[in-house]
Amino acid sequence: MWLLQPLPLFAQETTPDTAALRAHERGIVSLVRRVEPAVVSVRRFVKDEKWWAAAQKRAVQVTPGWVQVPERDLVYPHYRPLPGASGVVVSPDGYILTLNRVLLAPGGDEADIVDVEQGKDHYQAKIVAREPTIDFGVLKITADHPLAFVPPGNSRALEPGSFVMAFGYGEGPERMILPGVVTSLPTASATRTS
């Protein structure tokens, strides 16, 4: 589909409009290069001996290049992975912001293990804080090197129409980047406390 092609392939002429689009594209690519290394996959694991035993049998290759249970699901022996979400590293020493719901097991207790995957590295995370009313969680991982990070921004600078980008993971290891705009903000009376 031609819409998925890079801008230079369908905008061969140099006009003020295409030059502006190319500059905009370069800005987005630069932003993605800065932010993407700090985006991590966060998954929870629960103790499940029966699942582990069955997974060991299904971890063999079915056909070349395909396995029924991916290696990233077998990171913690005797533990079963549950669906995860994304997180973002906000400090070089390993603090991560994520969703509260991804830190919980189905019964509502904290998951046995919370795994953070950054690139090919896996880290067992410590839950630092959870706020269920706004679905917010803070994790801490320890690495032997400073981590790629993105410091938190100032949401007070946003206004309706501000351009934003969402970074994250879907159900698998593939990253997603979604552009958008701010459509509305809480009213001033809703954000003030007296």
N, C-alpha and C. Protein backbone atom coordinates (compact mmCIF):
# COMPACT_ATOMS: atom_id res chain seq x y z
N MET A 1 0.84 -1.16 0.00
CA MET A 1 0.00 0.00 0.00
C MET A 1 0.89 1.23 0.00
N TRP A 2 0.64 2.18 -0.84
CA TRP A 2 1.53 3.33 -0.99
C TRP A 2 1.56 4.23 0.23
N LEU A 3 0.51 4.24 1.05
CA LEU A 3 0.51 5.09 2.24
C LEU A 3 1.54 4.65 3.27
N LEU A 4 1.99 3.41 3.19
CA LEU A 4 2.96 2.91 4.14
C LEU A 4 4.39 3.15 3.68
N GLN A 5 4.57 3.71 2.51
CA GLN A 5 5.90 3.97 2.00
C GLN A 5 6.48 5.23 2.64
N PRO A 6 7.81 5.31 2.78
CA PRO A 6 8.42 6.53 3.30
C PRO A 6 8.05 7.73 2.43
N LEU A 7 7.98 8.88 3.04
CA LEU A 7 7.58 10.10 2.37
C LEU A 7 8.33 10.36 1.07
N PRO A 8 9.65 10.22 1.00
CA PRO A 8 10.35 10.54 -0.25
C PRO A 8 9.92 9.70 -1.45
N LEU A 9 9.36 8.51 -1.22
CA LEU A 9 8.96 7.67 -2.35
C LEU A 9 7.73 8.19 -3.07
N PHE A 10 6.82 8.86 -2.35
CA PHE A 10 5.63 9.34 -3.05
C PHE A 10 5.64 10.86 -3.21
N ALA A 11 6.62 11.53 -2.65
CA ALA A 11 6.71 12.98 -2.81
C ALA A 11 8.07 13.31 -3.42
N GLN A 12 8.23 12.97 -4.68
CA GLN A 12 9.51 13.13 -5.36
C GLN A 12 9.84 14.59 -5.65
N GLU A 13 8.82 15.40 -5.84
CA GLU A 13 9.08 16.80 -6.16
C GLU A 13 9.44 17.57 -4.91
N THR A 14 10.27 18.58 -5.08
CA THR A 14 10.62 19.44 -3.97
C THR A 14 9.78 20.70 -4.07
N THR A 15 8.83 20.80 -3.18
CA THR A 15 7.97 21.98 -3.08
C THR A 15 8.00 22.41 -1.63
N PRO A 16 7.53 23.60 -1.32
CA PRO A 16 7.48 24.01 0.09
C PRO A 16 6.68 23.03 0.95
N ASP A 17 5.61 22.47 0.39
CA ASP A 17 4.80 21.53 1.17
C ASP A 17 5.56 20.24 1.46
N THR A 18 6.22 19.67 0.44
CA THR A 18 6.94 18.42 0.67
C THR A 18 8.16 18.66 1.56
N ALA A 19 8.79 19.81 1.45
CA ALA A 19 9.93 20.13 2.32
C ALA A 19 9.47 20.22 3.77
N ALA A 20 8.31 20.82 4.00
CA ALA A 20 7.77 20.90 5.36
C ALA A 20 7.41 19.52 5.90
N LEU A 21 6.82 18.67 5.04
CA LEU A 21 6.49 17.32 5.46
C LEU A 21 7.74 16.52 5.80
N ARG A 22 8.79 16.69 4.99
CA ARG A 22 10.04 15.97 5.26
C ARG A 22 10.66 16.45 6.57
N ALA A 23 10.62 17.74 6.85
CA ALA A 23 11.16 18.26 8.11
C ALA A 23 10.36 17.71 9.28
N HIS A 24 9.05 17.65 9.14
CA HIS A 24 8.18 17.10 10.18
C HIS A 24 8.51 15.62 10.40
N GLU A 25 8.68 14.89 9.31
CA GLU A 25 9.02 13.47 9.40
C GLU A 25 10.36 13.28 10.11
N ARG A 26 11.37 14.10 9.78
CA ARG A 26 12.67 13.98 10.44
C ARG A 26 12.55 14.24 11.94
N GLY A 27 11.69 15.18 12.32
CA GLY A 27 11.47 15.47 13.74
C GLY A 27 10.86 14.29 14.46
N ILE A 28 9.88 13.64 13.83
CA ILE A 28 9.24 12.47 14.45
C ILE A 28 10.23 11.32 14.55
N VAL A 29 11.00 11.08 13.50
CA VAL A 29 12.00 10.00 13.53
C VAL A 29 13.01 10.26 14.64
N SER A 30 13.44 11.50 14.80
CA SER A 30 14.40 11.86 15.86
C SER A 30 13.79 11.61 17.24
N LEU A 31 12.53 11.98 17.42
CA LEU A 31 11.84 11.75 18.69
C LEU A 31 11.74 10.26 18.99
N VAL A 32 11.37 9.47 18.00
CA VAL A 32 11.26 8.02 18.19
C VAL A 32 12.61 7.43 18.58
N ARG A 33 13.68 7.87 17.95
CA ARG A 33 15.01 7.34 18.27
C ARG A 33 15.40 7.65 19.72
N ARG A 34 14.95 8.81 20.23
CA ARG A 34 15.28 9.18 21.61
C ARG A 34 14.43 8.43 22.62
N VAL A 35 13.14 8.24 22.33
CA VAL A 35 12.20 7.68 23.31
C VAL A 35 12.19 6.15 23.29
N GLU A 36 12.22 5.55 22.12
CA GLU A 36 12.00 4.11 21.99
C GLU A 36 12.91 3.24 22.87
N PRO A 37 14.20 3.56 23.05
CA PRO A 37 15.03 2.70 23.91
C PRO A 37 14.57 2.64 25.36
N ALA A 38 13.80 3.62 25.82
CA ALA A 38 13.34 3.66 27.21
C ALA A 38 12.00 2.95 27.40
N VAL A 39 11.37 2.54 26.32
CA VAL A 39 10.08 1.84 26.41
C VAL A 39 10.34 0.36 26.65
N VAL A 40 9.68 -0.19 27.65
CA VAL A 40 9.91 -1.58 28.04
C VAL A 40 8.60 -2.37 28.04
N SER A 41 8.74 -3.67 27.97
CA SER A 41 7.61 -4.57 28.12
C SER A 41 7.57 -5.03 29.57
N VAL A 42 6.39 -4.96 30.19
CA VAL A 42 6.22 -5.38 31.58
C VAL A 42 5.23 -6.54 31.59
N ARG A 43 5.67 -7.67 32.14
CA ARG A 43 4.77 -8.83 32.22
C ARG A 43 4.82 -9.42 33.62
N ARG A 44 3.72 -10.01 34.01
CA ARG A 44 3.63 -10.65 35.31
C ARG A 44 3.66 -12.16 35.13
N PHE A 45 4.20 -12.84 36.13
CA PHE A 45 4.29 -14.29 36.12
C PHE A 45 3.72 -14.82 37.44
N VAL A 46 3.00 -15.94 37.36
CA VAL A 46 2.45 -16.58 38.55
C VAL A 46 2.91 -18.04 38.59
N LYS A 47 3.07 -18.55 39.79
CA LYS A 47 3.50 -19.94 39.98
C LYS A 47 2.45 -20.88 39.39
N ASP A 48 2.88 -21.79 38.50
CA ASP A 48 1.94 -22.72 37.86
C ASP A 48 2.72 -23.93 37.35
N GLU A 49 2.86 -24.94 38.20
CA GLU A 49 3.65 -26.12 37.86
C GLU A 49 3.03 -26.90 36.69
N LYS A 50 1.71 -26.98 36.66
CA LYS A 50 1.04 -27.74 35.59
C LYS A 50 1.30 -27.08 34.23
N TRP A 51 1.17 -25.75 34.16
CA TRP A 51 1.44 -25.03 32.91
C TRP A 51 2.90 -25.24 32.50
N TRP A 52 3.81 -25.14 33.47
CA TRP A 52 5.23 -25.26 33.17
C TRP A 52 5.55 -26.62 32.57
N ALA A 53 4.99 -27.68 33.15
CA ALA A 53 5.24 -29.04 32.65
C ALA A 53 4.75 -29.18 31.21
N ALA A 54 3.55 -28.64 30.93
CA ALA A 54 3.00 -28.71 29.56
C ALA A 54 3.81 -27.84 28.61
N ALA A 55 4.27 -26.69 29.08
CA ALA A 55 5.04 -25.77 28.22
C ALA A 55 6.37 -26.38 27.82
N GLN A 56 6.97 -27.14 28.69
CA GLN A 56 8.24 -27.79 28.37
C GLN A 56 8.09 -28.72 27.18
N LYS A 57 6.95 -29.40 27.09
CA LYS A 57 6.70 -30.31 25.97
C LYS A 57 6.42 -29.55 24.68
N ARG A 58 5.82 -28.36 24.80
CA ARG A 58 5.45 -27.58 23.61
C ARG A 58 6.54 -26.61 23.17
N ALA A 59 7.65 -26.57 23.89
CA ALA A 59 8.71 -25.61 23.58
C ALA A 59 9.59 -26.07 22.43
N VAL A 60 9.35 -27.25 21.90
CA VAL A 60 10.13 -27.73 20.77
C VAL A 60 9.63 -27.09 19.48
N GLN A 61 10.50 -27.07 18.47
CA GLN A 61 10.09 -26.49 17.19
C GLN A 61 9.05 -27.38 16.52
N VAL A 62 7.97 -26.73 16.09
CA VAL A 62 6.91 -27.44 15.38
C VAL A 62 7.31 -27.55 13.91
N THR A 63 7.65 -26.45 13.31
CA THR A 63 8.23 -26.38 11.96
C THR A 63 9.40 -25.42 12.07
N PRO A 64 10.30 -25.41 11.12
CA PRO A 64 11.46 -24.53 11.24
C PRO A 64 11.05 -23.07 11.51
N GLY A 65 11.61 -22.51 12.58
CA GLY A 65 11.35 -21.12 12.93
C GLY A 65 10.14 -20.91 13.82
N TRP A 66 9.34 -21.93 14.09
CA TRP A 66 8.12 -21.76 14.89
C TRP A 66 8.15 -22.66 16.11
N VAL A 67 7.76 -22.12 17.25
CA VAL A 67 7.59 -22.92 18.47
C VAL A 67 6.22 -22.60 19.05
N GLN A 68 5.65 -23.55 19.77
CA GLN A 68 4.33 -23.32 20.37
C GLN A 68 4.41 -22.43 21.60
N VAL A 69 5.50 -22.49 22.32
CA VAL A 69 5.71 -21.65 23.50
C VAL A 69 6.99 -20.85 23.27
N PRO A 70 6.88 -19.54 23.10
CA PRO A 70 8.08 -18.74 22.85
C PRO A 70 9.04 -18.75 24.04
N GLU A 71 10.33 -18.58 23.77
CA GLU A 71 11.34 -18.58 24.82
C GLU A 71 11.08 -17.49 25.86
N ARG A 72 10.53 -16.35 25.43
CA ARG A 72 10.29 -15.26 26.39
C ARG A 72 9.22 -15.63 27.40
N ASP A 73 8.43 -16.69 27.14
CA ASP A 73 7.45 -17.17 28.11
C ASP A 73 8.07 -18.13 29.11
N LEU A 74 9.30 -18.57 28.85
CA LEU A 74 9.96 -19.57 29.69
C LEU A 74 11.11 -18.96 30.49
N VAL A 75 11.04 -17.68 30.75
CA VAL A 75 12.13 -16.98 31.44
C VAL A 75 12.26 -17.42 32.89
N TYR A 76 11.13 -17.69 33.55
CA TYR A 76 11.14 -18.05 34.97
C TYR A 76 10.61 -19.47 35.13
N PRO A 77 11.49 -20.43 35.44
CA PRO A 77 11.05 -21.82 35.59
C PRO A 77 9.92 -21.97 36.61
N HIS A 78 8.91 -22.73 36.21
CA HIS A 78 7.75 -23.06 37.05
C HIS A 78 6.75 -21.91 37.18
N TYR A 79 6.92 -20.85 36.39
CA TYR A 79 6.00 -19.72 36.42
C TYR A 79 5.38 -19.51 35.05
N ARG A 80 4.09 -19.18 35.04
CA ARG A 80 3.34 -18.96 33.81
C ARG A 80 3.20 -17.46 33.58
N PRO A 81 3.45 -17.00 32.33
CA PRO A 81 3.27 -15.57 32.04
C PRO A 81 1.79 -15.23 31.88
N LEU A 82 1.46 -14.03 32.28
CA LEU A 82 0.13 -13.47 32.06
C LEU A 82 0.28 -12.26 31.15
N PRO A 83 -0.80 -11.80 30.53
CA PRO A 83 -0.68 -10.64 29.64
C PRO A 83 -0.02 -9.46 30.35
N GLY A 84 0.69 -8.69 29.57
CA GLY A 84 1.43 -7.56 30.13
C GLY A 84 1.00 -6.24 29.54
N ALA A 85 1.87 -5.28 29.69
CA ALA A 85 1.64 -3.93 29.18
C ALA A 85 3.00 -3.29 28.95
N SER A 86 2.96 -2.03 28.70
CA SER A 86 4.20 -1.28 28.47
C SER A 86 4.57 -0.49 29.71
N GLY A 87 5.79 -0.06 29.71
CA GLY A 87 6.28 0.82 30.75
C GLY A 87 7.33 1.73 30.13
N VAL A 88 7.72 2.74 30.88
CA VAL A 88 8.78 3.62 30.40
C VAL A 88 9.76 3.85 31.54
N VAL A 89 11.05 3.69 31.23
CA VAL A 89 12.11 3.95 32.20
C VAL A 89 12.25 5.46 32.33
N VAL A 90 12.16 5.97 33.57
CA VAL A 90 12.19 7.42 33.79
C VAL A 90 13.44 7.89 34.52
N SER A 91 14.37 6.97 34.82
CA SER A 91 15.63 7.37 35.44
C SER A 91 16.70 6.35 35.07
N PRO A 92 17.96 6.78 35.00
CA PRO A 92 19.01 5.85 34.59
C PRO A 92 19.25 4.73 35.60
N ASP A 93 18.76 4.90 36.85
CA ASP A 93 18.95 3.86 37.86
C ASP A 93 17.76 2.89 37.93
N GLY A 94 16.83 2.95 36.97
CA GLY A 94 15.87 1.89 36.81
C GLY A 94 14.46 2.06 37.34
N TYR A 95 14.01 3.29 37.58
CA TYR A 95 12.61 3.49 37.95
C TYR A 95 11.75 3.48 36.69
N ILE A 96 10.61 2.79 36.76
CA ILE A 96 9.75 2.58 35.59
C ILE A 96 8.32 2.91 35.95
N LEU A 97 7.63 3.63 35.08
CA LEU A 97 6.22 3.91 35.24
C LEU A 97 5.44 2.94 34.36
N THR A 98 4.36 2.36 34.89
CA THR A 98 3.55 1.41 34.16
C THR A 98 2.13 1.44 34.69
N LEU A 99 1.34 0.41 34.37
CA LEU A 99 -0.04 0.31 34.82
C LEU A 99 -0.13 -0.55 36.08
N ASN A 100 -1.01 -0.18 36.99
CA ASN A 100 -1.23 -0.97 38.20
C ASN A 100 -1.73 -2.37 37.85
N ARG A 101 -2.63 -2.47 36.88
CA ARG A 101 -3.27 -3.76 36.58
C ARG A 101 -2.27 -4.82 36.12
N VAL A 102 -1.14 -4.41 35.54
CA VAL A 102 -0.17 -5.39 35.06
C VAL A 102 0.69 -5.94 36.20
N LEU A 103 0.51 -5.42 37.41
CA LEU A 103 1.27 -5.87 38.55
C LEU A 103 0.51 -6.88 39.40
N LEU A 104 -0.74 -7.16 39.00
CA LEU A 104 -1.62 -8.00 39.80
C LEU A 104 -1.87 -9.36 39.17
N ALA A 105 -2.01 -10.36 40.01
CA ALA A 105 -2.43 -11.70 39.58
C ALA A 105 -3.95 -11.68 39.44
N PRO A 106 -4.55 -12.70 38.80
CA PRO A 106 -6.00 -12.71 38.60
C PRO A 106 -6.82 -12.57 39.89
N GLY A 107 -6.33 -13.03 41.02
CA GLY A 107 -7.07 -12.92 42.28
C GLY A 107 -7.01 -11.55 42.92
N GLY A 108 -6.19 -10.65 42.38
CA GLY A 108 -6.08 -9.30 42.93
C GLY A 108 -4.84 -9.07 43.76
N ASP A 109 -4.11 -10.14 44.12
CA ASP A 109 -2.85 -9.97 44.84
C ASP A 109 -1.76 -9.57 43.86
N GLU A 110 -0.65 -9.07 44.38
CA GLU A 110 0.47 -8.74 43.51
C GLU A 110 1.00 -10.03 42.87
N ALA A 111 1.41 -9.92 41.62
CA ALA A 111 1.96 -11.07 40.90
C ALA A 111 3.19 -11.60 41.60
N ASP A 112 3.45 -12.90 41.43
CA ASP A 112 4.62 -13.52 42.05
C ASP A 112 5.91 -12.88 41.53
N ILE A 113 5.97 -12.66 40.22
CA ILE A 113 7.14 -12.06 39.58
C ILE A 113 6.65 -11.02 38.58
N VAL A 114 7.31 -9.86 38.57
CA VAL A 114 7.07 -8.86 37.54
C VAL A 114 8.36 -8.75 36.73
N ASP A 115 8.26 -9.03 35.44
CA ASP A 115 9.41 -9.05 34.55
C ASP A 115 9.40 -7.81 33.66
N VAL A 116 10.55 -7.19 33.55
CA VAL A 116 10.73 -6.05 32.65
C VAL A 116 11.69 -6.50 31.56
N GLU A 117 11.25 -6.36 30.32
CA GLU A 117 12.07 -6.74 29.18
C GLU A 117 12.47 -5.48 28.43
N GLN A 118 13.77 -5.24 28.36
CA GLN A 118 14.30 -4.10 27.61
C GLN A 118 15.29 -4.65 26.61
N GLY A 119 14.89 -4.62 25.33
CA GLY A 119 15.72 -5.25 24.31
C GLY A 119 15.73 -6.75 24.56
N LYS A 120 16.93 -7.33 24.69
CA LYS A 120 17.04 -8.77 24.95
C LYS A 120 17.24 -9.06 26.43
N ASP A 121 17.28 -8.02 27.25
CA ASP A 121 17.53 -8.20 28.67
C ASP A 121 16.22 -8.31 29.45
N HIS A 122 16.22 -9.20 30.45
CA HIS A 122 15.09 -9.37 31.36
C HIS A 122 15.54 -9.00 32.76
N TYR A 123 14.71 -8.26 33.46
CA TYR A 123 14.99 -7.87 34.84
C TYR A 123 13.78 -8.21 35.69
N GLN A 124 14.02 -8.78 36.85
CA GLN A 124 12.94 -9.01 37.80
C GLN A 124 12.76 -7.71 38.57
N ALA A 125 11.57 -7.14 38.48
CA ALA A 125 11.31 -5.81 39.05
C ALA A 125 10.75 -5.89 40.45
N LYS A 126 11.03 -4.86 41.23
CA LYS A 126 10.44 -4.68 42.55
C LYS A 126 9.30 -3.67 42.38
N ILE A 127 8.14 -3.98 42.97
CA ILE A 127 7.02 -3.03 42.94
C ILE A 127 7.28 -1.98 44.02
N VAL A 128 7.40 -0.72 43.60
CA VAL A 128 7.67 0.38 44.52
C VAL A 128 6.36 1.00 45.00
N ALA A 129 5.42 1.21 44.07
CA ALA A 129 4.16 1.85 44.44
C ALA A 129 3.07 1.44 43.45
N ARG A 130 1.81 1.43 43.95
CA ARG A 130 0.65 1.15 43.10
C ARG A 130 -0.45 2.11 43.48
N GLU A 131 -1.13 2.64 42.47
CA GLU A 131 -2.29 3.52 42.69
C GLU A 131 -3.43 2.99 41.84
N PRO A 132 -4.32 2.16 42.42
CA PRO A 132 -5.37 1.52 41.61
C PRO A 132 -6.42 2.47 41.06
N THR A 133 -6.68 3.60 41.72
CA THR A 133 -7.75 4.48 41.24
C THR A 133 -7.41 5.14 39.90
N ILE A 134 -6.12 5.31 39.61
CA ILE A 134 -5.74 5.87 38.30
C ILE A 134 -4.93 4.85 37.48
N ASP A 135 -4.90 3.58 37.95
CA ASP A 135 -4.22 2.50 37.24
C ASP A 135 -2.76 2.84 36.97
N PHE A 136 -2.04 3.17 38.04
CA PHE A 136 -0.67 3.64 37.93
C PHE A 136 0.23 2.80 38.83
N GLY A 137 1.40 2.40 38.31
CA GLY A 137 2.35 1.64 39.09
C GLY A 137 3.77 2.12 38.86
N VAL A 138 4.60 1.95 39.87
CA VAL A 138 6.02 2.31 39.79
C VAL A 138 6.83 1.07 40.12
N LEU A 139 7.79 0.76 39.27
CA LEU A 139 8.68 -0.38 39.45
C LEU A 139 10.11 0.11 39.58
N LYS A 140 10.97 -0.79 40.09
CA LYS A 140 12.41 -0.51 40.14
C LYS A 140 13.14 -1.75 39.69
N ILE A 141 14.07 -1.58 38.76
CA ILE A 141 14.94 -2.68 38.34
C ILE A 141 16.39 -2.26 38.60
N THR A 142 17.25 -3.26 38.71
CA THR A 142 18.66 -3.00 38.93
C THR A 142 19.43 -3.59 37.76
N ALA A 143 20.21 -2.75 37.11
CA ALA A 143 21.05 -3.19 35.99
C ALA A 143 22.50 -2.83 36.31
N ASP A 144 23.43 -3.46 35.61
CA ASP A 144 24.84 -3.18 35.85
C ASP A 144 25.36 -2.01 35.02
N HIS A 145 24.44 -1.25 34.44
CA HIS A 145 24.81 -0.10 33.62
C HIS A 145 23.65 0.91 33.67
N PRO A 146 23.94 2.19 33.41
CA PRO A 146 22.84 3.16 33.36
C PRO A 146 21.88 2.80 32.22
N LEU A 147 20.60 2.91 32.48
CA LEU A 147 19.58 2.53 31.50
C LEU A 147 19.16 3.73 30.65
N ALA A 148 18.76 3.43 29.42
CA ALA A 148 18.15 4.46 28.58
C ALA A 148 16.87 4.90 29.28
N PHE A 149 16.62 6.20 29.35
CA PHE A 149 15.44 6.68 30.06
C PHE A 149 14.89 7.95 29.41
N VAL A 150 13.65 8.24 29.74
CA VAL A 150 13.00 9.47 29.31
C VAL A 150 12.45 10.13 30.58
N PRO A 151 12.92 11.32 30.93
CA PRO A 151 12.40 11.95 32.15
C PRO A 151 10.93 12.34 31.96
N PRO A 152 10.14 12.31 33.05
CA PRO A 152 8.74 12.71 32.92
C PRO A 152 8.62 14.16 32.44
N GLY A 153 7.59 14.42 31.65
CA GLY A 153 7.36 15.77 31.14
C GLY A 153 6.41 16.55 32.03
N ASN A 154 6.03 17.72 31.56
CA ASN A 154 5.13 18.60 32.29
C ASN A 154 3.78 18.60 31.59
N SER A 155 2.81 17.88 32.16
CA SER A 155 1.49 17.80 31.52
C SER A 155 0.75 19.12 31.56
N ARG A 156 1.18 20.05 32.39
CA ARG A 156 0.51 21.36 32.44
C ARG A 156 0.77 22.18 31.18
N ALA A 157 1.77 21.79 30.40
CA ALA A 157 2.07 22.50 29.15
C ALA A 157 1.15 22.05 28.02
N LEU A 158 0.37 20.98 28.25
CA LEU A 158 -0.52 20.47 27.21
C LEU A 158 -1.77 21.32 27.09
N GLU A 159 -2.33 21.32 25.90
CA GLU A 159 -3.62 21.96 25.66
C GLU A 159 -4.31 21.22 24.53
N PRO A 160 -5.64 21.34 24.42
CA PRO A 160 -6.32 20.66 23.32
C PRO A 160 -5.67 21.01 21.98
N GLY A 161 -5.38 19.99 21.21
CA GLY A 161 -4.71 20.17 19.93
C GLY A 161 -3.22 19.88 19.98
N SER A 162 -2.65 19.76 21.20
CA SER A 162 -1.22 19.43 21.31
C SER A 162 -0.96 18.06 20.69
N PHE A 163 0.13 17.95 19.96
CA PHE A 163 0.52 16.70 19.33
C PHE A 163 1.15 15.80 20.38
N VAL A 164 0.77 14.52 20.41
CA VAL A 164 1.34 13.54 21.33
C VAL A 164 1.63 12.24 20.58
N MET A 165 2.49 11.43 21.15
CA MET A 165 2.77 10.11 20.58
C MET A 165 2.73 9.09 21.71
N ALA A 166 2.10 7.96 21.44
CA ALA A 166 2.05 6.86 22.40
C ALA A 166 3.01 5.78 21.94
N PHE A 167 3.84 5.30 22.85
CA PHE A 167 4.79 4.23 22.58
C PHE A 167 4.39 3.05 23.43
N GLY A 168 4.55 1.84 22.91
CA GLY A 168 4.21 0.70 23.74
C GLY A 168 4.35 -0.61 23.02
N TYR A 169 3.89 -1.65 23.70
CA TYR A 169 3.92 -3.01 23.18
C TYR A 169 2.50 -3.51 23.07
N GLY A 170 2.26 -4.35 22.05
CA GLY A 170 0.98 -5.01 21.94
C GLY A 170 1.02 -6.29 22.77
N GLU A 171 0.41 -7.33 22.29
CA GLU A 171 0.39 -8.60 23.02
C GLU A 171 1.70 -9.37 22.87
N GLY A 172 2.52 -9.02 21.91
CA GLY A 172 3.79 -9.71 21.71
C GLY A 172 4.95 -8.78 21.92
N PRO A 173 6.12 -9.13 21.38
CA PRO A 173 7.31 -8.31 21.58
C PRO A 173 7.42 -7.12 20.62
N GLU A 174 6.45 -6.96 19.72
CA GLU A 174 6.53 -5.89 18.74
C GLU A 174 6.16 -4.55 19.35
N ARG A 175 6.95 -3.54 19.05
CA ARG A 175 6.67 -2.20 19.56
C ARG A 175 5.66 -1.50 18.66
N MET A 176 4.90 -0.59 19.28
CA MET A 176 3.94 0.21 18.53
C MET A 176 4.21 1.69 18.81
N ILE A 177 3.97 2.51 17.81
CA ILE A 177 4.06 3.95 17.95
C ILE A 177 2.80 4.52 17.33
N LEU A 178 2.03 5.27 18.12
CA LEU A 178 0.77 5.82 17.63
C LEU A 178 0.74 7.33 17.83
N PRO A 179 0.60 8.10 16.74
CA PRO A 179 0.49 9.54 16.88
C PRO A 179 -0.94 9.94 17.24
N GLY A 180 -1.09 11.10 17.83
CA GLY A 180 -2.42 11.59 18.17
C GLY A 180 -2.37 13.03 18.62
N VAL A 181 -3.51 13.53 19.04
CA VAL A 181 -3.59 14.88 19.58
C VAL A 181 -4.39 14.85 20.87
N VAL A 182 -4.13 15.80 21.75
CA VAL A 182 -4.89 15.94 22.98
C VAL A 182 -6.25 16.50 22.60
N THR A 183 -7.32 15.81 22.99
CA THR A 183 -8.66 16.27 22.64
C THR A 183 -9.30 17.12 23.72
N SER A 184 -8.98 16.85 24.98
CA SER A 184 -9.53 17.66 26.07
C SER A 184 -8.67 17.49 27.30
N LEU A 185 -8.84 18.39 28.24
CA LEU A 185 -8.12 18.35 29.50
C LEU A 185 -9.12 18.49 30.64
N PRO A 186 -8.76 18.04 31.85
CA PRO A 186 -9.67 18.25 32.97
C PRO A 186 -9.90 19.75 33.19
N THR A 187 -11.06 20.08 33.65
CA THR A 187 -11.35 21.49 33.91
C THR A 187 -10.55 21.95 35.13
N ALA A 188 -10.32 23.24 35.22
CA ALA A 188 -9.54 23.80 36.33
C ALA A 188 -10.17 23.46 37.67
N SER A 189 -11.49 23.48 37.76
CA SER A 189 -12.15 23.18 39.03
C SER A 189 -11.95 21.73 39.43
N ALA A 190 -11.79 20.83 38.45
CA ALA A 190 -11.59 19.42 38.77
C ALA A 190 -10.18 19.13 39.25
N THR A 191 -9.23 20.01 38.92
CA THR A 191 -7.84 19.75 39.31
C THR A 191 -7.42 20.49 40.56
N ARG A 192 -8.21 21.46 41.03
CA ARG A 192 -7.86 22.21 42.22
C ARG A 192 -8.34 21.50 43.47
N THR A 193 -7.53 21.61 44.51
CA THR A 193 -7.97 21.11 45.80
C THR A 193 -7.94 22.27 46.77
N SER A 194 -8.97 22.38 47.58
CA SER A 194 -9.03 23.50 48.55
C SER A 194 -9.01 23.00 49.95
